[in-house]
Protein backbone atom coordinates (compact mmCIF):
# COMPACT_ATOMS: atom_id res chain seq x y z
CA MET A 1 -115.12 -54.00 232.50
CA LEU A 2 -116.11 -52.55 229.13
CA ILE A 3 -119.72 -52.24 230.27
CA TRP A 4 -118.62 -50.37 233.40
CA LEU A 5 -116.27 -48.07 231.49
CA SER A 6 -119.11 -47.32 229.06
CA SER A 7 -121.59 -46.52 231.84
CA GLU A 8 -122.30 -42.82 232.24
CA HIS A 9 -121.77 -42.83 236.04
CA VAL A 10 -118.23 -44.22 235.52
CA LYS A 11 -117.34 -42.46 232.28
CA GLN A 12 -118.11 -39.08 233.87
CA TRP A 13 -115.12 -39.47 236.21
CA TRP A 14 -113.02 -42.26 234.68
CA ASN A 15 -112.51 -41.92 230.94
CA ASP A 16 -109.21 -43.30 229.65
CA GLY A 17 -110.53 -43.76 226.12
CA ASP A 18 -110.90 -47.50 226.69
CA ASP A 19 -114.10 -47.79 224.68
CA THR A 20 -113.62 -51.08 222.85
CA LEU A 21 -113.11 -54.62 224.08
CA GLU A 22 -109.65 -54.67 222.50
CA LYS A 23 -108.56 -51.45 224.25
CA VAL A 24 -109.94 -52.60 227.61
CA SER A 25 -108.25 -55.98 227.22
CA LEU A 26 -104.90 -54.40 226.39
CA HIS A 27 -105.09 -51.81 229.17
CA TYR A 28 -106.52 -53.87 232.02
CA GLY A 29 -105.81 -57.45 230.96
CA ASN A 30 -102.03 -57.36 231.06
CA GLU A 31 -100.04 -57.74 234.24
CA SER A 32 -97.97 -54.73 235.17
CA GLU A 33 -95.10 -54.15 237.57
CA ASP A 34 -96.35 -50.59 238.14
CA VAL A 35 -100.05 -51.20 238.79
CA VAL A 36 -101.75 -53.86 240.92
CA ARG A 37 -105.38 -54.43 239.89
CA PHE A 38 -108.39 -55.93 241.69
CA ILE A 39 -112.05 -56.57 240.91
CA LEU A 40 -114.40 -55.79 243.79
CA ILE A 41 -116.67 -58.79 244.39
CA GLU A 42 -119.94 -58.84 246.30
CA VAL A 43 -120.75 -62.20 247.91
CA ASN A 44 -124.43 -62.91 248.51
CA GLU A 45 -124.48 -65.33 251.43
CA GLU A 46 -128.26 -65.78 251.17
CA ALA A 47 -127.92 -67.00 247.57
CA ASN A 48 -125.45 -69.85 248.19
CA HIS A 49 -122.44 -67.47 248.28
CA GLU A 50 -123.13 -66.23 244.77
CA GLU A 51 -120.45 -63.78 243.63
CA LYS A 52 -120.97 -60.66 241.54
CA SER A 53 -118.30 -58.30 240.25
CA ILE A 54 -119.28 -54.75 241.21
CA GLY A 55 -116.20 -52.55 240.91
CA TYR A 56 -112.58 -52.00 240.05
CA PHE A 57 -109.65 -51.05 242.31
CA GLN A 58 -105.96 -50.49 241.59
CA TYR A 59 -102.89 -49.22 243.35
CA TYR A 60 -99.64 -47.96 241.93
CA PHE A 61 -96.25 -46.88 243.20
CA THR A 62 -95.34 -43.20 243.17
CA ASP A 63 -92.09 -43.48 245.15
CA ASP A 64 -90.59 -45.75 247.81
CA GLU A 65 -93.03 -44.72 250.52
CA THR A 66 -96.19 -43.52 248.75
CA ILE A 67 -98.88 -45.49 246.97
CA GLY A 68 -101.61 -44.03 244.78
CA ILE A 69 -105.04 -45.61 244.45
CA ASP A 70 -107.89 -45.41 241.96
CA GLN A 71 -111.24 -47.12 242.13
CA PHE A 72 -114.84 -47.05 241.02
CA ILE A 73 -118.07 -48.88 241.67
CA GLY A 74 -119.12 -50.18 238.26
CA GLU A 75 -122.60 -51.36 239.17
CA GLU A 76 -124.74 -48.24 239.44
CA SER A 77 -127.23 -50.01 241.73
CA HIS A 78 -124.45 -50.27 244.34
CA ILE A 79 -123.72 -46.52 244.53
CA GLY A 80 -124.89 -44.58 247.59
CA ARG A 81 -125.07 -47.65 249.81
CA GLY A 82 -121.79 -47.23 251.73
CA ILE A 83 -120.12 -50.02 249.78
CA GLY A 84 -117.39 -47.72 248.42
CA GLU A 85 -116.44 -46.48 251.87
CA GLN A 86 -116.28 -50.01 253.27
CA ALA A 87 -114.33 -51.32 250.26
CA ILE A 88 -111.80 -48.47 250.38
CA LYS A 89 -111.20 -49.08 254.09
CA GLN A 90 -110.50 -52.75 253.35
CA PHE A 91 -108.35 -51.80 250.36
CA VAL A 92 -106.24 -49.47 252.53
CA GLU A 93 -105.82 -52.26 255.09
CA LEU A 94 -104.67 -54.64 252.34
CA ILE A 95 -102.15 -52.07 251.05
CA ASP A 96 -100.89 -51.43 254.59
CA LYS A 97 -100.28 -55.15 255.13
CA ARG A 98 -98.61 -55.73 251.75
CA ARG A 99 -96.61 -52.52 251.24
CA HIS A 100 -96.44 -50.49 254.49
CA PRO A 101 -96.59 -47.08 252.76
CA SER A 102 -96.01 -43.81 254.60
CA GLN A 103 -99.01 -42.38 252.79
CA ILE A 104 -101.72 -43.30 250.30
CA ILE A 105 -102.86 -40.70 247.78
CA LEU A 106 -105.72 -40.28 245.33
CA ASP A 107 -106.92 -37.54 243.02
CA PRO A 108 -110.63 -37.25 242.27
CA SER A 109 -112.06 -34.47 240.17
CA PRO A 110 -112.90 -31.43 242.34
CA GLN A 111 -116.47 -31.74 240.99
CA ASN A 112 -116.83 -35.35 242.19
CA ARG A 113 -118.27 -34.38 245.57
CA ARG A 114 -119.69 -37.86 246.25
CA ALA A 115 -116.25 -39.47 245.95
CA ILE A 116 -114.57 -36.72 247.99
CA ARG A 117 -117.09 -37.18 250.83
CA CYS A 118 -116.48 -40.95 250.71
CA TYR A 119 -112.70 -40.49 250.89
CA GLU A 120 -113.06 -38.03 253.78
CA LYS A 121 -115.10 -40.62 255.71
CA VAL A 122 -112.23 -43.08 255.26
CA GLY A 123 -109.77 -40.48 256.62
CA PHE A 124 -108.26 -38.91 253.50
CA LYS A 125 -107.47 -35.19 253.81
CA TYR A 126 -107.27 -32.51 251.15
CA TRP A 127 -103.68 -31.88 250.11
CA LYS A 128 -103.63 -29.71 246.99
CA THR A 129 -105.34 -29.08 243.67
CA MET A 130 -103.25 -29.56 240.57
CA LYS A 131 -103.55 -30.27 236.85
CA ASN A 132 -103.41 -33.82 235.54
CA GLU A 133 -101.44 -34.75 232.43
CA ASN A 134 -104.62 -34.26 230.36
CA GLY A 135 -105.09 -30.72 231.72
CA SER A 136 -108.05 -31.49 233.99
CA LEU A 137 -107.94 -30.51 237.65
CA ALA A 138 -107.29 -33.09 240.35
CA TYR A 139 -108.31 -32.68 243.99
CA ARG A 140 -105.33 -34.41 245.57
CA MET A 141 -105.99 -36.15 248.88
CA LYS A 142 -103.72 -38.17 251.14
CA LEU A 143 -103.95 -40.57 254.02
CA ASP A 144 -100.90 -40.65 256.26
CA ARG A 145 -100.07 -44.11 257.53
CA ALA A 146 -98.12 -45.14 260.62
CA LYS A 147 -94.91 -46.94 259.75
CA GLY A 148 -94.97 -50.64 260.40
CA VAL A 149 -98.78 -50.96 260.21
């Protein structure tokens, strides 16, 4: 995780100041009631089902009916291959089955055009632009879900 968070392609869009092993361990290593975390694993069936961690996903609760998500592909060699789109679709399905939200939201930087295009392919729609707690702009997007999915 520290290697991913230190990689320029991740740090450009995801920089929580977790730049030491201790900080990463404290932030991402503890269980939380507010955030559910996952590591995205690639399974190579041709290499005896060898597994490789390639990304990070999390969801969090904003209210009774809405869930927010954050994610990144940590392995730069896996960017631009459609893996993010496929993984987000599966992540949304998992959230639908576990939590049945009325909507799922996310908030990439307005300058992160690659991520925005990916989210649009999954079905997310622009909602509003607003400032984050740190003062940066967030391009808020949402995906409305059918109840009972």
